[in-house]
Amino acid sequence: MTAHHAPASGLLQLLPDISGEDTPPLPVGVASGRTCCGCTTRPQRLWKGRPEDAVLCTLCWLTLNLDSPTAAHGHLAWLPDAPAADIINLERRALIGLRSESKSLRKESRRVWNWLFRHTREVEKMWKTSRAGEFAAAMRQLPPDRRTVMQQRLEGCVLILPPDMLDDLTLLLPLGRTAENAVSTPAWTTYIRSDLYAKPLHQLD
C-alpha cells in the first residue's frame, strides 16, 4: 500500500504512530480555543501533542498514540484518496451524528461510519489484521528505524473508532456546536454527496 499526501502547511502529518512510552499514554489536556495541529478543527477538548507546542483534538491524538487504551479498540482503514485530516473530520461528524436525537441523521451517520469501517478490509488483507492495538504492539517491538518504515507503510490508513467508544461528546464536538448542528453544515452535505468520501447514500448499508 502506498500513498503520499503532504500535509497542509503547518499541519502535523497524521501517520498512525505510538507514543514510544513504556506505559500506555494518557492524554494531557491543554486550554481550549486553539486549532488542532492535525486536522484544523477547533475542538472543545485539546490534548498536548508532539512536539510539545502541538495541540491535538481527540481523534488526531489517538491516531498518533495507537498504544493508548482507547485507540486499542479501533481499527485501521485504508483510505488513501483524501488527506487523513479530511477523513478524520468525516469520522468525527459521523460519530457525533450517531448521538443525534434525529433518527434520520443517526441513520445517515451510521451509513457513513459503515462506509469508513468497510475500508478496514484492505488493511486486513494486507496485514492479516486491522486492529490498532495489534499494530501498536508490533511497533513497540521494532527498533526505531524499522518502526519508521512500518509507519510509512501505513500512510493512507486512518484510525476508525467504534461508535460507542467515546461517551463524552465534548471529546468530539467543535467549540460552540451541539450534536445537532455540528453535522448540519455545508461540509457534511459535501462529505455525504461526494464520490471521494462515500458512495451515494442508497448504496451504503
Protein backbone atom coordinates (compact mmCIF):
# COMPACT_ATOMS: atom_id res chain seq x y z
CA MET A 1 0.00 0.00 0.00
CA THR A 2 1.46 3.34 -0.98
CA ALA A 3 0.02 6.84 -0.84
CA HIS A 4 1.64 10.21 -0.47
CA HIS A 5 -0.23 13.21 0.87
CA ALA A 6 1.83 16.12 2.09
CA PRO A 7 0.02 17.78 4.99
CA ALA A 8 -1.21 21.32 4.58
CA SER A 9 1.24 23.98 5.66
CA GLY A 10 1.80 23.89 9.40
CA LEU A 11 -0.16 20.67 9.97
CA LEU A 12 1.25 17.53 11.52
CA GLN A 13 1.39 14.51 9.24
CA LEU A 14 -1.18 12.05 10.57
CA LEU A 15 0.62 8.75 10.07
CA PRO A 16 -0.53 6.13 12.60
CA ASP A 17 2.07 6.09 15.38
CA ILE A 18 2.70 5.15 19.01
CA SER A 19 3.88 7.28 21.91
CA GLY A 20 7.06 5.32 22.50
CA GLU A 21 6.40 5.40 26.24
CA ASP A 22 6.95 2.36 28.44
CA THR A 23 3.42 2.59 29.83
CA PRO A 24 0.20 3.27 27.89
CA PRO A 25 -0.02 7.03 27.28
CA LEU A 26 -2.71 9.20 28.81
CA PRO A 27 -3.76 12.47 27.16
CA VAL A 28 -2.69 15.69 28.84
CA GLY A 29 -5.27 18.44 28.47
CA VAL A 30 -4.46 21.96 27.33
CA ALA A 31 -6.58 25.10 27.18
CA SER A 32 -9.28 25.10 24.52
CA GLY A 33 -9.78 27.82 21.92
CA ARG A 34 -6.90 26.76 19.69
CA THR A 35 -6.95 24.81 16.43
CA CYS A 36 -5.92 21.16 16.21
CA CYS A 37 -2.49 20.87 14.57
CA GLY A 38 -3.57 17.71 12.77
CA CYS A 39 -6.96 18.46 11.22
CA THR A 40 -7.63 22.21 11.80
CA THR A 41 -10.75 21.55 13.88
CA ARG A 42 -11.25 23.87 16.83
CA PRO A 43 -12.49 21.35 19.41
CA GLN A 44 -13.92 21.70 22.89
CA ARG A 45 -11.14 19.48 24.25
CA LEU A 46 -7.47 19.65 23.23
CA TRP A 47 -4.51 17.49 24.17
CA LYS A 48 -0.77 18.02 24.23
CA GLY A 49 0.91 16.53 21.19
CA ARG A 50 4.43 16.01 19.87
CA PRO A 51 6.35 18.30 19.57
CA GLU A 52 5.49 19.94 22.87
CA ASP A 53 3.93 23.03 21.32
CA ALA A 54 1.50 20.98 19.22
CA VAL A 55 -2.12 20.61 20.32
CA LEU A 56 -4.41 17.89 19.03
CA CYS A 57 -8.09 17.01 19.00
CA THR A 58 -9.09 13.66 20.45
CA LEU A 59 -9.16 11.76 17.14
CA CYS A 60 -5.79 13.08 15.98
CA TRP A 61 -4.22 12.38 19.37
CA LEU A 62 -5.46 8.79 19.26
CA THR A 63 -4.13 8.35 15.71
CA LEU A 64 -0.65 9.31 16.93
CA ASN A 65 -0.96 7.21 20.10
CA LEU A 66 -2.18 3.81 18.96
CA ASP A 67 -0.74 2.36 22.17
CA SER A 68 -3.33 4.19 24.26
CA PRO A 69 -6.14 2.10 25.81
CA THR A 70 -8.84 3.89 23.80
CA ALA A 71 -7.10 3.65 20.43
CA ALA A 72 -6.59 -0.09 21.00
CA HIS A 73 -10.33 -0.60 20.46
CA GLY A 74 -10.18 0.95 16.99
CA HIS A 75 -9.25 -0.41 13.58
CA LEU A 76 -7.13 0.99 10.77
CA ALA A 77 -8.93 1.69 7.49
CA TRP A 78 -7.19 2.16 4.14
CA LEU A 79 -8.46 5.47 2.74
CA PRO A 80 -5.67 6.98 0.62
CA ASP A 81 -7.81 9.07 -1.74
CA ALA A 82 -8.09 12.02 0.64
CA PRO A 83 -5.83 13.59 3.26
CA ALA A 84 -6.07 11.89 6.64
CA ALA A 85 -7.29 15.16 8.17
CA ASP A 86 -10.36 15.13 5.91
CA ILE A 87 -11.18 11.53 6.77
CA ILE A 88 -10.79 12.25 10.48
CA ASN A 89 -13.19 15.18 10.20
CA LEU A 90 -15.64 12.96 8.34
CA GLU A 91 -15.35 10.32 11.06
CA ARG A 92 -15.88 12.96 13.74
CA ARG A 93 -19.12 14.12 12.14
CA ALA A 94 -20.35 10.55 11.72
CA LEU A 95 -19.62 9.74 15.39
CA ILE A 96 -21.35 12.94 16.52
CA GLY A 97 -24.33 12.33 14.23
CA LEU A 98 -24.82 8.89 15.74
CA ARG A 99 -25.64 10.67 19.02
CA SER A 100 -28.23 12.95 17.43
CA GLU A 101 -31.86 12.93 18.55
CA SER A 102 -32.83 12.80 14.88
CA LYS A 103 -33.47 9.27 13.63
CA SER A 104 -32.75 10.23 10.03
CA LEU A 105 -29.44 11.86 10.98
CA ARG A 106 -28.43 8.82 13.03
CA LYS A 107 -29.22 6.59 10.06
CA GLU A 108 -27.26 8.80 7.68
CA SER A 109 -24.31 8.91 10.10
CA ARG A 110 -24.37 5.12 10.52
CA ARG A 111 -24.16 4.70 6.76
CA VAL A 112 -21.12 6.98 6.57
CA TRP A 113 -19.44 5.25 9.52
CA ASN A 114 -20.12 1.85 7.92
CA TRP A 115 -18.51 3.06 4.71
CA LEU A 116 -15.42 4.19 6.60
CA PHE A 117 -15.18 0.94 8.53
CA ARG A 118 -15.60 -1.16 5.38
CA HIS A 119 -12.15 0.01 4.33
CA THR A 120 -10.57 -1.93 7.18
CA ARG A 121 -10.86 -4.92 4.81
CA GLU A 122 -7.93 -3.68 2.72
CA VAL A 123 -5.75 -3.40 5.83
CA GLU A 124 -6.87 -6.84 6.99
CA LYS A 125 -5.93 -8.33 3.62
CA MET A 126 -2.51 -6.68 3.59
CA TRP A 127 -1.51 -7.15 7.25
CA LYS A 128 -3.76 -10.02 8.43
CA THR A 129 -5.26 -7.63 10.98
CA SER A 130 -6.74 -4.15 11.16
CA ARG A 131 -6.78 -3.87 14.96
CA ALA A 132 -4.97 -0.76 16.13
CA GLY A 133 -3.82 -2.46 19.32
CA GLU A 134 -2.01 -5.16 17.35
CA PHE A 135 -0.24 -2.58 15.20
CA ALA A 136 0.80 -0.74 18.36
CA ALA A 137 2.18 -3.93 19.88
CA ALA A 138 4.16 -4.68 16.71
CA MET A 139 5.58 -1.14 16.58
CA ARG A 140 6.73 -1.37 20.19
CA GLN A 141 8.81 -4.43 19.32
CA LEU A 142 10.66 -2.76 16.46
CA PRO A 143 13.85 -0.68 16.63
CA PRO A 144 13.32 2.97 15.67
CA ASP A 145 14.43 2.63 12.04
CA ARG A 146 12.19 -0.35 11.30
CA ARG A 147 9.32 1.26 13.19
CA THR A 148 9.63 4.29 10.90
CA VAL A 149 9.50 2.04 7.83
CA MET A 150 6.36 0.32 9.14
CA GLN A 151 4.78 3.65 9.95
CA GLN A 152 5.45 4.92 6.42
CA ARG A 153 3.84 1.79 5.01
CA LEU A 154 0.72 2.70 6.97
CA GLU A 155 0.39 6.04 5.17
CA GLY A 156 -3.16 6.24 3.85
CA CYS A 157 -4.54 4.45 6.92
CA VAL A 158 -6.83 6.18 9.40
CA LEU A 159 -7.93 5.06 12.85
CA ILE A 160 -11.67 4.32 12.95
CA LEU A 161 -13.20 4.07 16.42
CA PRO A 162 -16.31 2.08 17.41
CA PRO A 163 -19.38 4.33 17.57
CA ASP A 164 -19.82 3.74 21.31
CA MET A 165 -16.18 4.28 22.26
CA LEU A 166 -16.43 7.93 23.32
CA ASP A 167 -19.37 8.53 25.65
CA ASP A 168 -18.41 12.14 26.38
CA LEU A 169 -19.38 14.26 23.37
CA THR A 170 -17.05 17.07 24.46
CA LEU A 171 -14.27 14.79 23.23
CA LEU A 172 -15.61 15.21 19.69
CA LEU A 173 -17.62 18.41 19.42
CA PRO A 174 -16.14 21.60 17.97
CA LEU A 175 -16.42 24.74 20.09
CA GLY A 176 -19.90 26.21 20.14
CA ARG A 177 -21.52 23.22 18.45
CA THR A 178 -24.11 20.66 19.54
CA ALA A 179 -24.69 17.15 18.24
CA GLU A 180 -27.50 18.56 16.10
CA ASN A 181 -25.78 21.50 14.43
CA ALA A 182 -22.26 20.04 14.22
CA VAL A 183 -23.28 17.95 11.23
CA SER A 184 -25.89 20.31 9.80
CA THR A 185 -23.29 22.24 7.85
CA PRO A 186 -22.35 22.57 4.16
CA ALA A 187 -19.28 20.44 4.87
CA TRP A 188 -21.40 17.47 5.92
CA THR A 189 -23.54 17.75 2.79
CA THR A 190 -20.37 17.79 0.71
CA TYR A 191 -18.99 14.74 2.51
CA ILE A 192 -22.04 12.55 2.07
CA ARG A 193 -22.60 13.52 -1.57
CA SER A 194 -19.00 13.28 -2.74
CA ASP A 195 -17.77 10.19 -4.54
CA LEU A 196 -14.37 10.87 -2.97
CA TYR A 197 -15.65 10.24 0.54
CA ALA A 198 -18.60 7.91 0.18
CA LYS A 199 -20.84 6.14 -2.28
CA PRO A 200 -24.31 7.57 -2.88
CA LEU A 201 -26.44 7.04 0.20
CA HIS A 202 -28.68 4.41 -1.38
CA GLN A 203 -25.58 2.23 -1.91
CA LEU A 204 -24.41 2.49 1.69
CA ASP A 205 -25.51 -0.16 4.15
